[in-house]
Amino acid sequence: MDTPTRECCALTDCPWCSRTDIACHYCDGEGRWSPERPVADGNGMITWEWVEEPCRMCAGTGKEHRHLPLD
């Protein structure tokens, strides 16, 4: 497993950042992911390409950040 890119997200007192028991299910706890993004060629044809970037779902922490309550 790679080292996450950040220790905690931008939220003050985030209840998810204080946990270490659940890894982010989007990046598998690595803090980076490889989503696809659309790209248009010169003729306007849309294709998709893979990009690697800090995980947007956990803010690069590698820790799960669900929208559901902790319980």
PDB file of N, CA and C in Angstrom:
ATOM      1  N   MET A   1       0.837  -1.174   0.000  1.00  0.00           N
ATOM      2  CA  MET A   1       0.000   0.000   0.000  1.00  0.00           C
ATOM      3  C   MET A   1       0.887   1.245   0.000  1.00  0.00           C
ATOM      4  N   ASP A   2       0.562   2.218  -0.845  1.00  0.00           N
ATOM      5  CA  ASP A   2       1.291   3.481  -0.868  1.00  0.00           C
ATOM      6  C   ASP A   2       0.904   4.331   0.331  1.00  0.00           C
ATOM      7  N   THR A   3       1.733   5.308   0.617  1.00  0.00           N
ATOM      8  CA  THR A   3       1.442   6.230   1.706  1.00  0.00           C
ATOM      9  C   THR A   3       0.414   7.249   1.237  1.00  0.00           C
ATOM     10  N   PRO A   4      -0.662   7.482   1.997  1.00  0.00           N
ATOM     11  CA  PRO A   4      -1.637   8.491   1.613  1.00  0.00           C
ATOM     12  C   PRO A   4      -0.977   9.853   1.456  1.00  0.00           C
ATOM     13  N   THR A   5      -1.572  10.692   0.615  1.00  0.00           N
ATOM     14  CA  THR A   5      -0.979  11.983   0.317  1.00  0.00           C
ATOM     15  C   THR A   5      -1.207  13.031   1.399  1.00  0.00           C
ATOM     16  N   ARG A   6      -2.204  12.823   2.268  1.00  0.00           N
ATOM     17  CA  ARG A   6      -2.504  13.765   3.345  1.00  0.00           C
ATOM     18  C   ARG A   6      -2.822  13.013   4.620  1.00  0.00           C
ATOM     19  N   GLU A   7      -2.618  13.651   5.745  1.00  0.00           N
ATOM     20  CA  GLU A   7      -2.949  13.042   7.038  1.00  0.00           C
ATOM     21  C   GLU A   7      -4.437  13.185   7.350  1.00  0.00           C
ATOM     22  N   CYS A   8      -5.021  14.356   7.019  1.00  0.00           N
ATOM     23  CA  CYS A   8      -6.442  14.563   7.269  1.00  0.00           C
ATOM     24  C   CYS A   8      -7.026  15.497   6.217  1.00  0.00           C
ATOM     25  N   CYS A   9      -8.358  15.499   6.121  1.00  0.00           N
ATOM     26  CA  CYS A   9      -9.033  16.340   5.134  1.00  0.00           C
ATOM     27  C   CYS A   9      -9.114  17.787   5.635  1.00  0.00           C
ATOM     28  N   ALA A  10      -9.785  18.644   4.893  1.00  0.00           N
ATOM     29  CA  ALA A  10      -9.859  20.059   5.235  1.00  0.00           C
ATOM     30  C   ALA A  10     -10.900  20.377   6.307  1.00  0.00           C
ATOM     31  N   LEU A  11     -11.703  19.400   6.707  1.00  0.00           N
ATOM     32  CA  LEU A  11     -12.724  19.646   7.724  1.00  0.00           C
ATOM     33  C   LEU A  11     -12.119  19.667   9.123  1.00  0.00           C
ATOM     34  N   THR A  12     -12.496  20.645   9.892  1.00  0.00           N
ATOM     35  CA  THR A  12     -12.061  20.711  11.278  1.00  0.00           C
ATOM     36  C   THR A  12     -12.815  19.659  12.082  1.00  0.00           C
ATOM     37  N   ASP A  13     -12.101  18.909  12.895  1.00  0.00           N
ATOM     38  CA  ASP A  13     -12.701  17.857  13.728  1.00  0.00           C
ATOM     39  C   ASP A  13     -13.488  16.830  12.922  1.00  0.00           C
ATOM     40  N   CYS A  14     -12.926  16.378  11.823  1.00  0.00           N
ATOM     41  CA  CYS A  14     -13.587  15.379  10.985  1.00  0.00           C
ATOM     42  C   CYS A  14     -13.617  14.029  11.718  1.00  0.00           C
ATOM     43  N   PRO A  15     -14.805  13.441  11.904  1.00  0.00           N
ATOM     44  CA  PRO A  15     -14.869  12.166  12.615  1.00  0.00           C
ATOM     45  C   PRO A  15     -14.264  11.013  11.811  1.00  0.00           C
ATOM     46  N   TRP A  16     -14.171  11.148  10.513  1.00  0.00           N
ATOM     47  CA  TRP A  16     -13.609  10.082   9.683  1.00  0.00           C
ATOM     48  C   TRP A  16     -12.088  10.084   9.718  1.00  0.00           C
ATOM     49  N   CYS A  17     -11.476  11.243   9.785  1.00  0.00           N
ATOM     50  CA  CYS A  17     -10.013  11.320   9.781  1.00  0.00           C
ATOM     51  C   CYS A  17      -9.393  10.755  11.053  1.00  0.00           C
ATOM     52  N   SER A  18     -10.143  10.743  12.139  1.00  0.00           N
ATOM     53  CA  SER A  18      -9.603  10.205  13.386  1.00  0.00           C
ATOM     54  C   SER A  18      -9.648   8.679  13.423  1.00  0.00           C
ATOM     55  N   ARG A  19     -10.326   8.064  12.456  1.00  0.00           N
ATOM     56  CA  ARG A  19     -10.421   6.601  12.413  1.00  0.00           C
ATOM     57  C   ARG A  19      -9.306   6.020  11.551  1.00  0.00           C
ATOM     58  N   THR A  20      -8.868   4.843  11.918  1.00  0.00           N
ATOM     59  CA  THR A  20      -7.862   4.143  11.109  1.00  0.00           C
ATOM     60  C   THR A  20      -8.329   2.742  10.734  1.00  0.00           C
ATOM     61  N   ASP A  21      -9.559   2.405  11.114  1.00  0.00           N
ATOM     62  CA  ASP A  21     -10.040   1.041  10.902  1.00  0.00           C
ATOM     63  C   ASP A  21     -10.709   0.802   9.557  1.00  0.00           C
ATOM     64  N   ILE A  22     -11.067   1.850   8.820  1.00  0.00           N
ATOM     65  CA  ILE A  22     -11.747   1.672   7.541  1.00  0.00           C
ATOM     66  C   ILE A  22     -10.982   2.416   6.445  1.00  0.00           C
ATOM     67  N   ALA A  23     -10.493   1.681   5.454  1.00  0.00           N
ATOM     68  CA  ALA A  23      -9.796   2.289   4.319  1.00  0.00           C
ATOM     69  C   ALA A  23     -10.821   2.792   3.310  1.00  0.00           C
ATOM     70  N   CYS A  24     -10.483   3.847   2.615  1.00  0.00           N
ATOM     71  CA  CYS A  24     -11.351   4.401   1.571  1.00  0.00           C
ATOM     72  C   CYS A  24     -11.620   3.328   0.518  1.00  0.00           C
ATOM     73  N   HIS A  25     -12.879   3.115   0.177  1.00  0.00           N
ATOM     74  CA  HIS A  25     -13.191   2.059  -0.785  1.00  0.00           C
ATOM     75  C   HIS A  25     -13.003   2.508  -2.240  1.00  0.00           C
ATOM     76  N   TYR A  26     -12.723   3.775  -2.474  1.00  0.00           N
ATOM     77  CA  TYR A  26     -12.440   4.249  -3.827  1.00  0.00           C
ATOM     78  C   TYR A  26     -10.971   4.061  -4.197  1.00  0.00           C
ATOM     79  N   CYS A  27     -10.074   4.316  -3.241  1.00  0.00           N
ATOM     80  CA  CYS A  27      -8.638   4.207  -3.525  1.00  0.00           C
ATOM     81  C   CYS A  27      -7.974   3.056  -2.777  1.00  0.00           C
ATOM     82  N   ASP A  28      -8.750   2.252  -2.064  1.00  0.00           N
ATOM     83  CA  ASP A  28      -8.232   1.133  -1.267  1.00  0.00           C
ATOM     84  C   ASP A  28      -7.226   1.567  -0.216  1.00  0.00           C
ATOM     85  N   GLY A  29      -7.392   2.787   0.296  1.00  0.00           N
ATOM     86  CA  GLY A  29      -6.531   3.274   1.364  1.00  0.00           C
ATOM     87  C   GLY A  29      -5.204   3.849   0.906  1.00  0.00           C
ATOM     88  N   GLU A  30      -4.990   3.966  -0.397  1.00  0.00           N
ATOM     89  CA  GLU A  30      -3.713   4.468  -0.907  1.00  0.00           C
ATOM     90  C   GLU A  30      -3.649   5.987  -1.006  1.00  0.00           C
ATOM     91  N   GLY A  31      -4.795   6.663  -1.025  1.00  0.00           N
ATOM     92  CA  GLY A  31      -4.813   8.116  -1.138  1.00  0.00           C
ATOM     93  C   GLY A  31      -4.739   8.610  -2.575  1.00  0.00           C
ATOM     94  N   ARG A  32      -4.610   7.699  -3.544  1.00  0.00           N
ATOM     95  CA  ARG A  32      -4.591   8.049  -4.964  1.00  0.00           C
ATOM     96  C   ARG A  32      -5.538   7.111  -5.695  1.00  0.00           C
ATOM     97  N   TRP A  33      -6.140   7.604  -6.770  1.00  0.00           N
ATOM     98  CA  TRP A  33      -7.016   6.771  -7.571  1.00  0.00           C
ATOM     99  C   TRP A  33      -6.809   7.048  -9.040  1.00  0.00           C
ATOM    100  N   SER A  34      -7.435   6.256  -9.886  1.00  0.00           N
ATOM    101  CA  SER A  34      -7.290   6.393 -11.338  1.00  0.00           C
ATOM    102  C   SER A  34      -8.668   6.451 -11.991  1.00  0.00           C
ATOM    103  N   PRO A  35      -9.324   7.613 -11.938  1.00  0.00           N
ATOM    104  CA  PRO A  35     -10.624   7.738 -12.602  1.00  0.00           C
ATOM    105  C   PRO A  35     -10.431   7.996 -14.097  1.00  0.00           C
ATOM    106  N   GLU A  36     -11.516   7.979 -14.830  1.00  0.00           N
ATOM    107  CA  GLU A  36     -11.480   8.316 -16.249  1.00  0.00           C
ATOM    108  C   GLU A  36     -12.005   9.734 -16.429  1.00  0.00           C
ATOM    109  N   ARG A  37     -11.513  10.409 -17.465  1.00  0.00           N
ATOM    110  CA  ARG A  37     -12.052  11.731 -17.796  1.00  0.00           C
ATOM    111  C   ARG A  37     -12.275  11.800 -19.307  1.00  0.00           C
ATOM    112  N   PRO A  38     -13.261  12.585 -19.725  1.00  0.00           N
ATOM    113  CA  PRO A  38     -13.531  12.703 -21.156  1.00  0.00           C
ATOM    114  C   PRO A  38     -12.510  13.616 -21.829  1.00  0.00           C
ATOM    115  N   VAL A  39     -12.176  13.265 -23.055  1.00  0.00           N
ATOM    116  CA  VAL A  39     -11.256  14.060 -23.858  1.00  0.00           C
ATOM    117  C   VAL A  39     -11.838  14.158 -25.264  1.00  0.00           C
ATOM    118  N   ALA A  40     -11.882  15.366 -25.809  1.00  0.00           N
ATOM    119  CA  ALA A  40     -12.379  15.559 -27.172  1.00  0.00           C
ATOM    120  C   ALA A  40     -11.196  15.697 -28.119  1.00  0.00           C
ATOM    121  N   ASP A  41     -11.255  14.961 -29.243  1.00  0.00           N
ATOM    122  CA  ASP A  41     -10.188  15.108 -30.230  1.00  0.00           C
ATOM    123  C   ASP A  41     -10.511  16.288 -31.142  1.00  0.00           C
ATOM    124  N   GLY A  42      -9.719  16.526 -32.154  1.00  0.00           N
ATOM    125  CA  GLY A  42      -9.906  17.665 -33.053  1.00  0.00           C
ATOM    126  C   GLY A  42     -11.213  17.650 -33.815  1.00  0.00           C
ATOM    127  N   ASN A  43     -11.817  16.479 -33.987  1.00  0.00           N
ATOM    128  CA  ASN A  43     -13.083  16.350 -34.704  1.00  0.00           C
ATOM    129  C   ASN A  43     -14.292  16.393 -33.783  1.00  0.00           C
ATOM    130  N   GLY A  44     -14.078  16.553 -32.501  1.00  0.00           N
ATOM    131  CA  GLY A  44     -15.173  16.593 -31.537  1.00  0.00           C
ATOM    132  C   GLY A  44     -15.575  15.227 -31.005  1.00  0.00           C
ATOM    133  N   MET A  45     -14.839  14.194 -31.385  1.00  0.00           N
ATOM    134  CA  MET A  45     -15.125  12.839 -30.887  1.00  0.00           C
ATOM    135  C   MET A  45     -14.695  12.751 -29.424  1.00  0.00           C
ATOM    136  N   ILE A  46     -15.581  12.270 -28.568  1.00  0.00           N
ATOM    137  CA  ILE A  46     -15.286  12.146 -27.148  1.00  0.00           C
ATOM    138  C   ILE A  46     -14.739  10.749 -26.880  1.00  0.00           C
ATOM    139  N   THR A  47     -13.601  10.693 -26.225  1.00  0.00           N
ATOM    140  CA  THR A  47     -13.025   9.440 -25.768  1.00  0.00           C
ATOM    141  C   THR A  47     -12.740   9.585 -24.280  1.00  0.00           C
ATOM    142  N   TRP A  48     -12.358   8.500 -23.649  1.00  0.00           N
ATOM    143  CA  TRP A  48     -12.073   8.513 -22.216  1.00  0.00           C
ATOM    144  C   TRP A  48     -10.636   8.104 -21.994  1.00  0.00           C
ATOM    145  N   GLU A  49      -9.970   8.789 -21.057  1.00  0.00           N
ATOM    146  CA  GLU A  49      -8.603   8.424 -20.707  1.00  0.00           C
ATOM    147  C   GLU A  49      -8.481   8.309 -19.196  1.00  0.00           C
ATOM    148  N   TRP A  50      -7.587   7.432 -18.759  1.00  0.00           N
ATOM    149  CA  TRP A  50      -7.328   7.242 -17.338  1.00  0.00           C
ATOM    150  C   TRP A  50      -6.378   8.325 -16.857  1.00  0.00           C
ATOM    151  N   VAL A  51      -6.643   8.856 -15.693  1.00  0.00           N
ATOM    152  CA  VAL A  51      -5.739   9.809 -15.050  1.00  0.00           C
ATOM    153  C   VAL A  51      -5.457   9.325 -13.635  1.00  0.00           C
ATOM    154  N   GLU A  52      -4.291   9.612 -13.121  1.00  0.00           N
ATOM    155  CA  GLU A  52      -3.990   9.277 -11.730  1.00  0.00           C
ATOM    156  C   GLU A  52      -3.879  10.583 -10.967  1.00  0.00           C
ATOM    157  N   GLU A  53      -4.576  10.655  -9.841  1.00  0.00           N
ATOM    158  CA  GLU A  53      -4.617  11.882  -9.054  1.00  0.00           C
ATOM    159  C   GLU A  53      -4.908  11.538  -7.598  1.00  0.00           C
ATOM    160  N   PRO A  54      -4.745  12.506  -6.684  1.00  0.00           N
ATOM    161  CA  PRO A  54      -5.150  12.266  -5.295  1.00  0.00           C
ATOM    162  C   PRO A  54      -6.644  11.931  -5.254  1.00  0.00           C
ATOM    163  N   CYS A  55      -7.014  11.008  -4.426  1.00  0.00           N
ATOM    164  CA  CYS A  55      -8.409  10.566  -4.336  1.00  0.00           C
ATOM    165  C   CYS A  55      -9.297  11.722  -3.882  1.00  0.00           C
ATOM    166  N   ARG A  56     -10.327  11.992  -4.647  1.00  0.00           N
ATOM    167  CA  ARG A  56     -11.256  13.071  -4.300  1.00  0.00           C
ATOM    168  C   ARG A  56     -12.277  12.645  -3.256  1.00  0.00           C
ATOM    169  N   MET A  57     -12.466  11.362  -3.085  1.00  0.00           N
ATOM    170  CA  MET A  57     -13.477  10.879  -2.153  1.00  0.00           C
ATOM    171  C   MET A  57     -13.000  10.886  -0.704  1.00  0.00           C
ATOM    172  N   CYS A  58     -11.697  10.773  -0.498  1.00  0.00           N
ATOM    173  CA  CYS A  58     -11.170  10.795   0.874  1.00  0.00           C
ATOM    174  C   CYS A  58     -10.194  11.956   1.067  1.00  0.00           C
ATOM    175  N   ALA A  59     -10.091  12.839   0.081  1.00  0.00           N
ATOM    176  CA  ALA A  59      -9.176  13.986   0.114  1.00  0.00           C
ATOM    177  C   ALA A  59      -7.720  13.543   0.235  1.00  0.00           C
ATOM    178  N   GLY A  60      -7.427  12.371  -0.317  1.00  0.00           N
ATOM    179  CA  GLY A  60      -6.046  11.881  -0.306  1.00  0.00           C
ATOM    180  C   GLY A  60      -5.591  11.307   1.019  1.00  0.00           C
ATOM    181  N   THR A  61      -6.511  11.109   1.961  1.00  0.00           N
ATOM    182  CA  THR A  61      -6.126  10.595   3.280  1.00  0.00           C
ATOM    183  C   THR A  61      -6.031   9.074   3.315  1.00  0.00           C
ATOM    184  N   GLY A  62      -6.731   8.412   2.396  1.00  0.00           N
ATOM    185  CA  GLY A  62      -6.787   6.955   2.412  1.00  0.00           C
ATOM    186  C   GLY A  62      -7.796   6.409   3.407  1.00  0.00           C
ATOM    187  N   LYS A  63      -8.501   7.297   4.110  1.00  0.00           N
ATOM    188  CA  LYS A  63      -9.487   6.896   5.130  1.00  0.00           C
ATOM    189  C   LYS A  63     -10.899   7.092   4.584  1.00  0.00           C
ATOM    190  N   GLU A  64     -11.768   6.164   4.894  1.00  0.00           N
ATOM    191  CA  GLU A  64     -13.152   6.238   4.426  1.00  0.00           C
ATOM    192  C   GLU A  64     -13.807   7.531   4.892  1.00  0.00           C
ATOM    193  N   HIS A  65     -14.512   8.204   3.982  1.00  0.00           N
ATOM    194  CA  HIS A  65     -15.271   9.422   4.284  1.00  0.00           C
ATOM    195  C   HIS A  65     -16.673   9.258   3.711  1.00  0.00           C
ATOM    196  N   ARG A  66     -17.513   8.532   4.407  1.00  0.00           N
ATOM    197  CA  ARG A  66     -18.875   8.293   3.942  1.00  0.00           C
ATOM    198  C   ARG A  66     -19.763   9.483   4.248  1.00  0.00           C
ATOM    199  N   HIS A  67     -20.822   9.599   3.497  1.00  0.00           N
ATOM    200  CA  HIS A  67     -21.825  10.630   3.771  1.00  0.00           C
ATOM    201  C   HIS A  67     -22.833  10.152   4.812  1.00  0.00           C
ATOM    202  N   LEU A  68     -22.712   8.889   5.207  1.00  0.00           N
ATOM    203  CA  LEU A  68     -23.624   8.324   6.202  1.00  0.00           C
ATOM    204  C   LEU A  68     -23.082   8.528   7.616  1.00  0.00           C
ATOM    205  N   PRO A  69     -23.927   8.452   8.610  1.00  0.00           N
ATOM    206  CA  PRO A  69     -23.456   8.578  10.002  1.00  0.00           C
ATOM    207  C   PRO A  69     -22.449   7.483  10.357  1.00  0.00           C
ATOM    208  N   LEU A  70     -21.667   7.711  11.381  1.00  0.00           N
ATOM    209  CA  LEU A  70     -20.653   6.754  11.810  1.00  0.00           C
ATOM    210  C   LEU A  70     -21.239   5.462  12.344  1.00  0.00           C
ATOM    211  N   ASP A  71     -22.442   5.492  12.902  1.00  0.00           N
ATOM    212  CA  ASP A  71     -23.046   4.286  13.496  1.00  0.00           C
ATOM    213  C   ASP A  71     -23.658   3.390  12.462  1.00  0.00           C
TER     214      ASP A  71
END
